[in-house]
Amino acid sequence: ILFNLTDSELEQFVIELGQPKFRAKQIREWLNRGAPDFASMKNIPDALRTKLDSVAKTLPVHIVKKLESSDGETTKFLLELNDGEQIECVLMRTTYGNSVCVSSQAGCAMGCKFCASTLLGLKRNLTANEIYAQILVAQWELRQDKFSDKPIRPNGDANNNDVSHIVIMGTGEPLQNTENVIDFIERANSQMGI
């Protein structure tokens, strides 16, 4: 999973494929935009995209199913992690910005009677990268909105194609995965984050 590599590890990976080092920067830029596959990376040569398809993955999550609300303002994603566990995240387009509700665990151990997340129990904590990748999935979706017939809502100062708010209320209990949740929050709020 290329998203999980450090910049120096990504450079080494690209060099081992016989490519110039600058390709790592191009790939990183696409990964940071949330590119779901190598075909989306338009400034990468076709031969390299084909090679990457056979030896790597882009993000630590991929979309299994996408559900749209009837008003087009909410998109719910069923995402699969690399180990086959599944989680959900939700993109909500509002007048005050674009919010994403992310999951922090696969399953949940809390046992709340009103919540379906607890039915199969806790499978595992998500890594900071797996939590962050949910934001990138939503961000990619927002950027695709401008090329679709979906109306773009005015939302104050927030960019219509950017995530402006994050809610950590998806699958799992965030305080049971504190270290990774804090790492995710720090990354999202860093200069390199969203």
N, C-alpha and C. Protein backbone atom coordinates (compact mmCIF):
# COMPACT_ATOMS: atom_id res chain seq x y z
N ILE A 1 0.87 -1.17 0.00
CA ILE A 1 0.00 0.00 0.00
C ILE A 1 0.91 1.23 0.00
N LEU A 2 0.95 1.93 -1.12
CA LEU A 2 1.88 3.03 -1.26
C LEU A 2 1.61 4.18 -0.30
N PHE A 3 0.34 4.40 0.05
CA PHE A 3 -0.01 5.48 0.98
C PHE A 3 0.68 5.29 2.33
N ASN A 4 0.91 4.05 2.73
CA ASN A 4 1.51 3.77 4.03
C ASN A 4 3.02 3.97 4.06
N LEU A 5 3.65 4.13 2.90
CA LEU A 5 5.10 4.31 2.84
C LEU A 5 5.49 5.74 3.20
N THR A 6 6.65 5.90 3.82
CA THR A 6 7.20 7.24 4.03
C THR A 6 7.67 7.76 2.67
N ASP A 7 7.98 9.04 2.60
CA ASP A 7 8.45 9.60 1.33
C ASP A 7 9.73 8.92 0.86
N SER A 8 10.66 8.67 1.78
CA SER A 8 11.92 8.01 1.38
C SER A 8 11.67 6.56 0.96
N GLU A 9 10.74 5.87 1.62
CA GLU A 9 10.40 4.49 1.22
C GLU A 9 9.74 4.48 -0.16
N LEU A 10 8.90 5.48 -0.44
CA LEU A 10 8.25 5.57 -1.74
C LEU A 10 9.28 5.85 -2.83
N GLU A 11 10.24 6.74 -2.55
CA GLU A 11 11.31 7.00 -3.50
C GLU A 11 12.08 5.73 -3.81
N GLN A 12 12.44 4.97 -2.76
CA GLN A 12 13.18 3.73 -2.96
C GLN A 12 12.37 2.73 -3.78
N PHE A 13 11.08 2.63 -3.51
CA PHE A 13 10.20 1.74 -4.25
C PHE A 13 10.19 2.09 -5.73
N VAL A 14 10.08 3.38 -6.03
CA VAL A 14 10.04 3.84 -7.42
C VAL A 14 11.37 3.57 -8.12
N ILE A 15 12.46 3.82 -7.43
CA ILE A 15 13.79 3.56 -8.00
C ILE A 15 13.97 2.08 -8.30
N GLU A 16 13.49 1.22 -7.40
CA GLU A 16 13.58 -0.23 -7.61
C GLU A 16 12.76 -0.69 -8.81
N LEU A 17 11.77 0.10 -9.19
CA LEU A 17 10.99 -0.20 -10.40
C LEU A 17 11.67 0.34 -11.66
N GLY A 18 12.86 0.94 -11.49
CA GLY A 18 13.60 1.47 -12.62
C GLY A 18 13.11 2.83 -13.08
N GLN A 19 12.43 3.56 -12.18
CA GLN A 19 11.87 4.87 -12.52
C GLN A 19 12.70 5.98 -11.89
N PRO A 20 12.65 7.18 -12.48
CA PRO A 20 13.34 8.32 -11.86
C PRO A 20 12.68 8.69 -10.53
N LYS A 21 13.49 9.25 -9.63
CA LYS A 21 13.04 9.56 -8.28
C LYS A 21 11.84 10.52 -8.25
N PHE A 22 11.75 11.43 -9.23
CA PHE A 22 10.66 12.42 -9.20
C PHE A 22 9.28 11.77 -9.34
N ARG A 23 9.21 10.54 -9.84
CA ARG A 23 7.92 9.85 -9.94
C ARG A 23 7.30 9.64 -8.56
N ALA A 24 8.14 9.48 -7.54
CA ALA A 24 7.63 9.30 -6.17
C ALA A 24 6.83 10.52 -5.73
N LYS A 25 7.33 11.71 -6.07
CA LYS A 25 6.62 12.94 -5.70
C LYS A 25 5.28 13.02 -6.43
N GLN A 26 5.27 12.66 -7.71
CA GLN A 26 4.02 12.68 -8.47
C GLN A 26 3.00 11.70 -7.86
N ILE A 27 3.47 10.50 -7.54
CA ILE A 27 2.58 9.50 -6.95
C ILE A 27 2.06 9.99 -5.60
N ARG A 28 2.94 10.57 -4.77
CA ARG A 28 2.53 11.06 -3.44
C ARG A 28 1.45 12.14 -3.59
N GLU A 29 1.60 13.02 -4.57
CA GLU A 29 0.58 14.06 -4.77
C GLU A 29 -0.77 13.44 -5.08
N TRP A 30 -0.80 12.41 -5.91
CA TRP A 30 -2.06 11.72 -6.22
C TRP A 30 -2.61 11.01 -5.00
N LEU A 31 -1.75 10.37 -4.23
CA LEU A 31 -2.21 9.67 -3.02
C LEU A 31 -2.81 10.66 -2.04
N ASN A 32 -2.19 11.83 -1.89
CA ASN A 32 -2.69 12.84 -0.96
C ASN A 32 -4.01 13.45 -1.43
N ARG A 33 -4.33 13.30 -2.70
CA ARG A 33 -5.63 13.75 -3.22
C ARG A 33 -6.69 12.67 -3.03
N GLY A 34 -6.26 11.44 -2.72
CA GLY A 34 -7.21 10.35 -2.53
C GLY A 34 -7.43 9.51 -3.76
N ALA A 35 -6.51 9.53 -4.71
CA ALA A 35 -6.67 8.73 -5.93
C ALA A 35 -6.95 7.27 -5.57
N PRO A 36 -8.08 6.74 -6.02
CA PRO A 36 -8.46 5.38 -5.64
C PRO A 36 -7.72 4.29 -6.41
N ASP A 37 -7.09 4.67 -7.52
CA ASP A 37 -6.39 3.69 -8.36
C ASP A 37 -5.31 4.39 -9.16
N PHE A 38 -4.47 3.60 -9.80
CA PHE A 38 -3.37 4.18 -10.57
C PHE A 38 -3.85 4.76 -11.90
N ALA A 39 -4.97 4.29 -12.42
CA ALA A 39 -5.52 4.83 -13.67
C ALA A 39 -5.85 6.31 -13.53
N SER A 40 -6.13 6.77 -12.32
CA SER A 40 -6.47 8.17 -12.07
C SER A 40 -5.25 9.09 -12.15
N MET A 41 -4.07 8.52 -12.07
CA MET A 41 -2.83 9.31 -12.02
C MET A 41 -2.39 9.68 -13.43
N LYS A 42 -2.99 10.72 -13.98
CA LYS A 42 -2.87 11.04 -15.40
C LYS A 42 -1.48 11.50 -15.83
N ASN A 43 -0.64 12.01 -14.93
CA ASN A 43 0.69 12.44 -15.34
C ASN A 43 1.76 11.35 -15.15
N ILE A 44 1.31 10.14 -14.87
CA ILE A 44 2.20 8.98 -14.75
C ILE A 44 2.11 8.20 -16.07
N PRO A 45 3.23 7.78 -16.64
CA PRO A 45 3.17 7.03 -17.91
C PRO A 45 2.33 5.75 -17.80
N ASP A 46 1.66 5.42 -18.90
CA ASP A 46 0.80 4.23 -18.93
C ASP A 46 1.52 2.97 -18.48
N ALA A 47 2.75 2.77 -18.95
CA ALA A 47 3.51 1.56 -18.61
C ALA A 47 3.74 1.47 -17.10
N LEU A 48 4.03 2.60 -16.47
CA LEU A 48 4.24 2.60 -15.02
C LEU A 48 2.93 2.35 -14.28
N ARG A 49 1.84 2.94 -14.76
CA ARG A 49 0.54 2.71 -14.11
C ARG A 49 0.17 1.23 -14.18
N THR A 50 0.43 0.60 -15.31
CA THR A 50 0.16 -0.83 -15.47
C THR A 50 1.02 -1.65 -14.51
N LYS A 51 2.30 -1.29 -14.41
CA LYS A 51 3.22 -2.00 -13.49
C LYS A 51 2.75 -1.82 -12.05
N LEU A 52 2.40 -0.60 -11.67
CA LEU A 52 1.93 -0.33 -10.31
C LEU A 52 0.68 -1.14 -9.98
N ASP A 53 -0.23 -1.26 -10.95
CA ASP A 53 -1.45 -2.06 -10.74
C ASP A 53 -1.12 -3.50 -10.36
N SER A 54 -0.01 -4.02 -10.88
CA SER A 54 0.33 -5.42 -10.64
C SER A 54 1.11 -5.65 -9.34
N VAL A 55 1.68 -4.57 -8.77
CA VAL A 55 2.55 -4.77 -7.60
C VAL A 55 2.15 -3.96 -6.36
N ALA A 56 1.16 -3.08 -6.47
CA ALA A 56 0.86 -2.20 -5.33
C ALA A 56 -0.61 -1.80 -5.30
N LYS A 57 -0.99 -1.17 -4.19
CA LYS A 57 -2.30 -0.55 -4.03
C LYS A 57 -2.08 0.90 -3.65
N THR A 58 -3.10 1.73 -3.88
CA THR A 58 -2.95 3.14 -3.56
C THR A 58 -3.20 3.41 -2.08
N LEU A 59 -4.43 3.22 -1.63
CA LEU A 59 -4.85 3.57 -0.27
C LEU A 59 -5.09 2.32 0.58
N PRO A 60 -5.09 2.46 1.90
CA PRO A 60 -5.37 1.32 2.77
C PRO A 60 -6.86 0.98 2.88
N VAL A 61 -7.71 1.67 2.12
CA VAL A 61 -9.15 1.37 2.07
C VAL A 61 -9.58 1.42 0.62
N HIS A 62 -10.61 0.66 0.29
CA HIS A 62 -11.22 0.82 -1.04
C HIS A 62 -12.73 0.70 -0.91
N ILE A 63 -13.42 1.37 -1.81
CA ILE A 63 -14.88 1.43 -1.76
C ILE A 63 -15.47 0.11 -2.22
N VAL A 64 -16.32 -0.47 -1.37
CA VAL A 64 -17.07 -1.67 -1.72
C VAL A 64 -18.45 -1.28 -2.24
N LYS A 65 -19.03 -0.27 -1.57
CA LYS A 65 -20.38 0.17 -1.94
C LYS A 65 -20.53 1.64 -1.59
N LYS A 66 -21.28 2.34 -2.41
CA LYS A 66 -21.54 3.76 -2.17
C LYS A 66 -23.03 3.98 -2.26
N LEU A 67 -23.61 4.60 -1.24
CA LEU A 67 -25.04 4.90 -1.21
C LEU A 67 -25.23 6.41 -1.17
N GLU A 68 -26.12 6.92 -2.02
CA GLU A 68 -26.42 8.35 -2.08
C GLU A 68 -27.81 8.60 -1.49
N SER A 69 -27.95 9.67 -0.72
CA SER A 69 -29.27 10.05 -0.24
C SER A 69 -30.08 10.60 -1.41
N SER A 70 -31.40 10.59 -1.27
CA SER A 70 -32.26 11.04 -2.36
C SER A 70 -32.04 12.51 -2.72
N ASP A 71 -31.61 13.33 -1.74
CA ASP A 71 -31.37 14.74 -2.03
C ASP A 71 -29.93 15.01 -2.53
N GLY A 72 -29.10 13.97 -2.58
CA GLY A 72 -27.73 14.10 -3.08
C GLY A 72 -26.77 14.80 -2.14
N GLU A 73 -27.20 15.05 -0.92
CA GLU A 73 -26.35 15.77 0.02
C GLU A 73 -25.53 14.86 0.92
N THR A 74 -25.85 13.57 0.95
CA THR A 74 -25.13 12.64 1.82
C THR A 74 -24.70 11.43 1.01
N THR A 75 -23.44 11.03 1.20
CA THR A 75 -22.92 9.83 0.56
C THR A 75 -22.33 8.94 1.64
N LYS A 76 -22.80 7.71 1.69
CA LYS A 76 -22.31 6.74 2.67
C LYS A 76 -21.43 5.73 1.93
N PHE A 77 -20.23 5.51 2.45
CA PHE A 77 -19.29 4.59 1.84
C PHE A 77 -19.11 3.35 2.73
N LEU A 78 -19.24 2.18 2.13
CA LEU A 78 -18.80 0.95 2.78
C LEU A 78 -17.40 0.70 2.25
N LEU A 79 -16.43 0.69 3.16
CA LEU A 79 -15.03 0.58 2.78
C LEU A 79 -14.45 -0.74 3.29
N GLU A 80 -13.56 -1.31 2.50
CA GLU A 80 -12.87 -2.53 2.93
C GLU A 80 -11.42 -2.20 3.21
N LEU A 81 -10.93 -2.71 4.32
CA LEU A 81 -9.53 -2.55 4.70
C LEU A 81 -8.71 -3.65 4.04
N ASN A 82 -7.40 -3.53 4.08
CA ASN A 82 -6.52 -4.48 3.43
C ASN A 82 -6.70 -5.91 3.93
N ASP A 83 -7.11 -6.08 5.19
CA ASP A 83 -7.28 -7.42 5.76
C ASP A 83 -8.70 -7.97 5.58
N GLY A 84 -9.55 -7.25 4.83
CA GLY A 84 -10.90 -7.71 4.56
C GLY A 84 -11.96 -7.19 5.52
N GLU A 85 -11.56 -6.57 6.63
CA GLU A 85 -12.54 -5.97 7.55
C GLU A 85 -13.22 -4.80 6.85
N GLN A 86 -14.46 -4.51 7.23
CA GLN A 86 -15.20 -3.43 6.60
C GLN A 86 -15.63 -2.38 7.61
N ILE A 87 -15.64 -1.14 7.15
CA ILE A 87 -16.02 0.00 7.97
C ILE A 87 -16.90 0.92 7.11
N GLU A 88 -17.44 1.94 7.73
CA GLU A 88 -18.23 2.92 7.00
C GLU A 88 -17.72 4.33 7.29
N CYS A 89 -17.89 5.21 6.31
CA CYS A 89 -17.72 6.64 6.55
C CYS A 89 -18.80 7.35 5.75
N VAL A 90 -19.14 8.55 6.19
CA VAL A 90 -20.25 9.29 5.59
C VAL A 90 -19.81 10.72 5.27
N LEU A 91 -20.08 11.15 4.04
CA LEU A 91 -19.83 12.51 3.60
C LEU A 91 -21.15 13.26 3.62
N MET A 92 -21.18 14.40 4.31
CA MET A 92 -22.39 15.22 4.42
C MET A 92 -22.10 16.61 3.87
N ARG A 93 -22.78 16.96 2.79
CA ARG A 93 -22.63 18.29 2.17
C ARG A 93 -23.68 19.22 2.79
N THR A 94 -23.23 20.27 3.45
CA THR A 94 -24.16 21.17 4.14
C THR A 94 -23.89 22.62 3.74
N THR A 95 -24.74 23.52 4.17
CA THR A 95 -24.55 24.94 3.86
C THR A 95 -23.35 25.51 4.59
N TYR A 96 -22.88 24.88 5.66
CA TYR A 96 -21.74 25.40 6.41
C TYR A 96 -20.44 24.67 6.11
N GLY A 97 -20.44 23.73 5.15
CA GLY A 97 -19.22 23.04 4.78
C GLY A 97 -19.49 21.58 4.46
N ASN A 98 -18.43 20.85 4.24
CA ASN A 98 -18.51 19.42 3.93
C ASN A 98 -17.94 18.63 5.10
N SER A 99 -18.80 17.88 5.77
CA SER A 99 -18.41 17.11 6.94
C SER A 99 -18.22 15.64 6.56
N VAL A 100 -17.26 15.00 7.21
CA VAL A 100 -17.06 13.57 7.04
C VAL A 100 -17.06 12.92 8.40
N CYS A 101 -17.87 11.88 8.53
CA CYS A 101 -17.92 11.08 9.75
C CYS A 101 -17.07 9.84 9.49
N VAL A 102 -16.01 9.66 10.27
CA VAL A 102 -15.08 8.55 10.07
C VAL A 102 -15.22 7.50 11.16
N SER A 103 -14.81 6.30 10.84
CA SER A 103 -14.75 5.20 11.80
C SER A 103 -13.35 5.14 12.40
N SER A 104 -13.26 4.68 13.64
CA SER A 104 -11.98 4.56 14.32
C SER A 104 -11.62 3.10 14.64
N GLN A 105 -12.59 2.20 14.49
CA GLN A 105 -12.38 0.78 14.74
C GLN A 105 -13.18 -0.04 13.73
N ALA A 106 -12.74 -1.26 13.51
CA ALA A 106 -13.55 -2.23 12.76
C ALA A 106 -14.34 -2.99 13.82
N GLY A 107 -15.65 -2.75 13.84
CA GLY A 107 -16.48 -3.31 14.90
C GLY A 107 -16.39 -2.44 16.14
N CYS A 108 -17.04 -2.90 17.20
CA CYS A 108 -17.06 -2.12 18.43
C CYS A 108 -17.34 -3.05 19.61
N ALA A 109 -16.70 -2.76 20.73
CA ALA A 109 -16.86 -3.58 21.93
C ALA A 109 -17.76 -2.93 22.98
N MET A 110 -18.35 -1.77 22.68
CA MET A 110 -19.08 -1.02 23.70
C MET A 110 -20.43 -1.62 24.07
N GLY A 111 -21.07 -2.31 23.16
CA GLY A 111 -22.33 -2.98 23.48
C GLY A 111 -23.55 -2.09 23.56
N CYS A 112 -23.53 -0.94 22.95
CA CYS A 112 -24.71 -0.04 22.97
C CYS A 112 -25.87 -0.71 22.24
N LYS A 113 -27.02 -0.76 22.86
CA LYS A 113 -28.19 -1.45 22.31
C LYS A 113 -28.73 -0.80 21.03
N PHE A 114 -28.53 0.50 20.87
CA PHE A 114 -29.08 1.22 19.72
C PHE A 114 -28.18 1.19 18.49
N CYS A 115 -27.01 0.58 18.59
CA CYS A 115 -26.01 0.70 17.52
C CYS A 115 -25.67 -0.66 16.90
N ALA A 116 -25.72 -0.74 15.57
CA ALA A 116 -25.41 -1.98 14.85
C ALA A 116 -23.92 -2.28 14.84
N SER A 117 -23.06 -1.30 15.10
CA SER A 117 -21.61 -1.51 15.06
C SER A 117 -21.13 -2.56 16.06
N THR A 118 -21.88 -2.75 17.11
CA THR A 118 -21.45 -3.63 18.19
C THR A 118 -21.88 -5.09 17.98
N LEU A 119 -22.71 -5.35 16.98
CA LEU A 119 -23.30 -6.69 16.81
C LEU A 119 -22.28 -7.81 16.67
N LEU A 120 -21.19 -7.56 15.95
CA LEU A 120 -20.18 -8.60 15.75
C LEU A 120 -18.98 -8.42 16.67
N GLY A 121 -19.05 -7.44 17.56
CA GLY A 121 -17.94 -7.20 18.48
C GLY A 121 -16.80 -6.45 17.82
N LEU A 122 -15.79 -6.19 18.59
CA LEU A 122 -14.62 -5.48 18.10
C LEU A 122 -13.71 -6.42 17.33
N LYS A 123 -13.36 -6.02 16.12
CA LYS A 123 -12.40 -6.79 15.31
C LYS A 123 -10.99 -6.27 15.56
N ARG A 124 -10.82 -4.94 15.41
CA ARG A 124 -9.52 -4.33 15.68
C ARG A 124 -9.59 -2.81 15.58
N ASN A 125 -8.56 -2.15 16.11
CA ASN A 125 -8.41 -0.71 15.97
C ASN A 125 -7.93 -0.38 14.56
N LEU A 126 -8.32 0.77 14.06
CA LEU A 126 -7.81 1.25 12.78
C LEU A 126 -6.51 2.01 13.02
N THR A 127 -5.62 1.96 12.05
CA THR A 127 -4.41 2.76 12.11
C THR A 127 -4.76 4.21 11.78
N ALA A 128 -3.84 5.11 12.10
CA ALA A 128 -4.05 6.52 11.74
C ALA A 128 -4.20 6.67 10.22
N ASN A 129 -3.43 5.90 9.45
CA ASN A 129 -3.54 5.95 7.99
C ASN A 129 -4.91 5.48 7.50
N GLU A 130 -5.46 4.45 8.13
CA GLU A 130 -6.78 3.96 7.72
C GLU A 130 -7.88 4.97 8.05
N ILE A 131 -7.73 5.69 9.14
CA ILE A 131 -8.70 6.73 9.48
C ILE A 131 -8.56 7.89 8.50
N TYR A 132 -7.33 8.31 8.26
CA TYR A 132 -7.08 9.44 7.35
C TYR A 132 -7.55 9.13 5.93
N ALA A 133 -7.36 7.90 5.49
CA ALA A 133 -7.75 7.52 4.12
C ALA A 133 -9.26 7.69 3.91
N GLN A 134 -10.05 7.58 4.96
CA GLN A 134 -11.50 7.80 4.83
C GLN A 134 -11.78 9.24 4.41
N ILE A 135 -11.01 10.18 4.94
CA ILE A 135 -11.15 11.58 4.57
C ILE A 135 -10.78 11.76 3.10
N LEU A 136 -9.73 11.06 2.67
CA LEU A 136 -9.31 11.18 1.27
C LEU A 136 -10.34 10.61 0.31
N VAL A 137 -11.03 9.53 0.72
CA VAL A 137 -12.10 8.98 -0.11
C VAL A 137 -13.20 10.03 -0.29
N ALA A 138 -13.57 10.69 0.80
CA ALA A 138 -14.61 11.72 0.74
C ALA A 138 -14.13 12.93 -0.08
N GLN A 139 -12.89 13.32 0.12
CA GLN A 139 -12.33 14.46 -0.61
C GLN A 139 -12.33 14.17 -2.12
N TRP A 140 -11.96 12.95 -2.51
CA TRP A 140 -11.97 12.57 -3.92
C TRP A 140 -13.39 12.66 -4.48
N GLU A 141 -14.36 12.19 -3.70
CA GLU A 141 -15.77 12.25 -4.11
C GLU A 141 -16.21 13.70 -4.31
N LEU A 142 -15.83 14.58 -3.40
CA LEU A 142 -16.20 16.00 -3.53
C LEU A 142 -15.61 16.60 -4.80
N ARG A 143 -14.40 16.24 -5.11
CA ARG A 143 -13.76 16.80 -6.31
C ARG A 143 -14.39 16.23 -7.58
N GLN A 144 -14.97 15.04 -7.49
CA GLN A 144 -15.68 14.48 -8.65
C GLN A 144 -17.03 15.15 -8.82
N ASP A 145 -17.60 15.68 -7.72
CA ASP A 145 -18.90 16.35 -7.78
C ASP A 145 -18.92 17.46 -8.83
N LYS A 146 -17.82 18.19 -8.93
CA LYS A 146 -17.84 19.34 -9.84
C LYS A 146 -17.90 18.90 -11.31
N PHE A 147 -17.62 17.63 -11.58
CA PHE A 147 -17.71 17.12 -12.95
C PHE A 147 -18.99 16.33 -13.18
N SER A 148 -19.87 16.31 -12.19
CA SER A 148 -21.12 15.57 -12.30
C SER A 148 -22.28 16.55 -12.39
N ASP A 149 -23.48 16.01 -12.43
CA ASP A 149 -24.66 16.88 -12.45
C ASP A 149 -25.14 17.22 -11.04
N LYS A 150 -24.37 16.81 -10.04
CA LYS A 150 -24.73 17.08 -8.64
C LYS A 150 -24.55 18.57 -8.36
N PRO A 151 -25.56 19.24 -7.80
CA PRO A 151 -25.42 20.67 -7.52
C PRO A 151 -24.36 20.91 -6.45
N ILE A 152 -23.55 21.93 -6.67
CA ILE A 152 -22.56 22.30 -5.66
C ILE A 152 -23.19 23.39 -4.81
N ARG A 153 -23.25 23.12 -3.52
CA ARG A 153 -23.94 24.03 -2.60
C ARG A 153 -23.01 25.14 -2.16
N PRO A 154 -23.54 26.34 -2.03
CA PRO A 154 -22.73 27.41 -1.44
C PRO A 154 -22.56 27.10 0.05
N ASN A 155 -21.36 27.23 0.57
CA ASN A 155 -21.16 26.92 1.99
C ASN A 155 -20.17 27.89 2.64
N GLY A 156 -20.49 29.13 2.58
CA GLY A 156 -19.68 30.13 3.28
C GLY A 156 -18.28 30.20 2.72
N ASP A 157 -17.30 30.25 3.61
CA ASP A 157 -15.91 30.39 3.21
C ASP A 157 -15.28 29.05 2.82
N ALA A 158 -15.93 27.95 3.13
CA ALA A 158 -15.34 26.65 2.84
C ALA A 158 -15.32 26.40 1.34
N ASN A 159 -14.25 25.80 0.86
CA ASN A 159 -14.16 25.43 -0.54
C ASN A 159 -15.16 24.32 -0.80
N ASN A 160 -15.97 24.45 -1.85
CA ASN A 160 -17.00 23.46 -2.16
C ASN A 160 -16.44 22.07 -2.41
N ASN A 161 -15.16 21.97 -2.73
CA ASN A 161 -14.59 20.69 -3.06
C ASN A 161 -13.62 20.19 -2.01
N ASP A 162 -13.71 20.71 -0.81
CA ASP A 162 -12.83 20.27 0.28
C ASP A 162 -13.63 19.85 1.50
N VAL A 163 -13.07 18.92 2.23
CA VAL A 163 -13.63 18.55 3.53
C VAL A 163 -13.32 19.68 4.50
N SER A 164 -14.32 20.17 5.21
CA SER A 164 -14.11 21.28 6.15
C SER A 164 -14.33 20.87 7.60
N HIS A 165 -15.03 19.75 7.83
CA HIS A 165 -15.32 19.31 9.19
C HIS A 165 -15.15 17.79 9.28
N ILE A 166 -14.62 17.34 10.42
CA ILE A 166 -14.45 15.90 10.65
C ILE A 166 -15.16 15.52 11.94
N VAL A 167 -15.92 14.45 11.88
CA VAL A 167 -16.61 13.90 13.05
C VAL A 167 -16.12 12.46 13.22
N ILE A 168 -15.70 12.10 14.42
CA ILE A 168 -15.19 10.74 14.65
C ILE A 168 -16.27 9.95 15.39
N MET A 169 -17.37 9.69 14.67
CA MET A 169 -18.50 9.00 15.28
C MET A 169 -18.98 7.83 14.43
N GLY A 170 -18.12 7.32 13.54
CA GLY A 170 -18.48 6.16 12.74
C GLY A 170 -18.35 4.90 13.57
N THR A 171 -18.03 3.80 12.91
CA THR A 171 -17.88 2.53 13.60
C THR A 171 -16.78 2.62 14.66
N GLY A 172 -17.08 2.11 15.85
CA GLY A 172 -16.09 2.04 16.92
C GLY A 172 -16.17 3.19 17.91
N GLU A 173 -15.42 3.04 18.97
CA GLU A 173 -15.34 4.04 20.04
C GLU A 173 -13.96 4.69 19.97
N PRO A 174 -13.87 5.96 19.56
CA PRO A 174 -12.57 6.61 19.36
C PRO A 174 -11.66 6.58 20.59
N LEU A 175 -12.24 6.69 21.78
CA LEU A 175 -11.41 6.73 22.98
C LEU A 175 -10.84 5.36 23.35
N GLN A 176 -11.27 4.32 22.65
CA GLN A 176 -10.67 3.00 22.81
C GLN A 176 -9.50 2.81 21.83
N ASN A 177 -9.26 3.81 20.99
CA ASN A 177 -8.18 3.79 20.00
C ASN A 177 -7.48 5.15 20.03
N THR A 178 -7.23 5.63 21.24
CA THR A 178 -6.79 7.01 21.46
C THR A 178 -5.51 7.37 20.70
N GLU A 179 -4.49 6.54 20.77
CA GLU A 179 -3.20 6.88 20.16
C GLU A 179 -3.34 7.10 18.65
N ASN A 180 -4.03 6.18 17.97
CA ASN A 180 -4.18 6.32 16.52
C ASN A 180 -5.11 7.47 16.15
N VAL A 181 -6.13 7.72 16.95
CA VAL A 181 -7.04 8.84 16.70
C VAL A 181 -6.29 10.17 16.85
N ILE A 182 -5.47 10.28 17.89
CA ILE A 182 -4.68 11.50 18.07
C ILE A 182 -3.70 11.69 16.92
N ASP A 183 -3.03 10.61 16.50
CA ASP A 183 -2.12 10.70 15.34
C ASP A 183 -2.88 11.18 14.10
N PHE A 184 -4.09 10.65 13.90
CA PHE A 184 -4.92 11.07 12.76
C PHE A 184 -5.26 12.56 12.85
N ILE A 185 -5.70 13.01 14.01
CA ILE A 185 -6.08 14.42 14.20
C ILE A 185 -4.88 15.33 13.96
N GLU A 186 -3.72 14.95 14.48
CA GLU A 186 -2.52 15.76 14.27
C GLU A 186 -2.16 15.82 12.79
N ARG A 187 -2.27 14.70 12.11
CA ARG A 187 -1.95 14.67 10.68
C ARG A 187 -2.94 15.52 9.88
N ALA A 188 -4.23 15.38 10.17
CA ALA A 188 -5.25 16.15 9.45
C ALA A 188 -5.07 17.65 9.65
N ASN A 189 -4.54 18.05 10.80
CA ASN A 189 -4.35 19.47 11.10
C ASN A 189 -2.95 19.98 10.81
N SER A 190 -2.08 19.13 10.28
CA SER A 190 -0.72 19.55 9.96
C SER A 190 -0.72 20.34 8.65
N GLN A 191 0.42 20.96 8.33
CA GLN A 191 0.53 21.71 7.08
C GLN A 191 0.34 20.81 5.87
N MET A 192 0.71 19.55 5.97
CA MET A 192 0.57 18.60 4.87
C MET A 192 -0.82 17.96 4.85
N GLY A 193 -1.60 18.17 5.90
CA GLY A 193 -2.92 17.56 6.00
C GLY A 193 -3.99 18.37 5.28
N ILE A 194 -5.22 17.94 5.49
CA ILE A 194 -6.33 18.61 4.82
C ILE A 194 -6.75 19.88 5.54
